[in-house]
Amino acid sequence: MRLRIRCRSLVAPMLAAGLAISPREDALTVNAGDGDIVETTPQGDQIAWRQLDASGTPPGAGALFGLAVGLNQNAVYFVDDATNQLDKLH
């Protein structure tokens, strides 16, 4: 599968710090810059995003890394370095 990503902003791309594939075969990513998780289709369209961490300056900077989809596919686990915890998004 080839993945093409379109950026939703004009800022420089951030360092990807976590990547997982959703049950719908979309890419889930977190980066080292803004505390967001982004869902991107195989066609490159960003269809959803949510801020998972807003601590620090700029908000979310360096907080997120690592992603895993739960075995039952109803949750995403991620590491929040700002709180030093493994968290669950569902």
Foldseek 3Di string as FASTA:
>chain_A
DAAAADDPDDDDDFAWAEWDAAPVRWIWTDGQQAQKIWTAHSDHDTDDMDRPFQDDVNGNHRFWHYWDQDPVRPWIWIGGNVVRDIDIDD
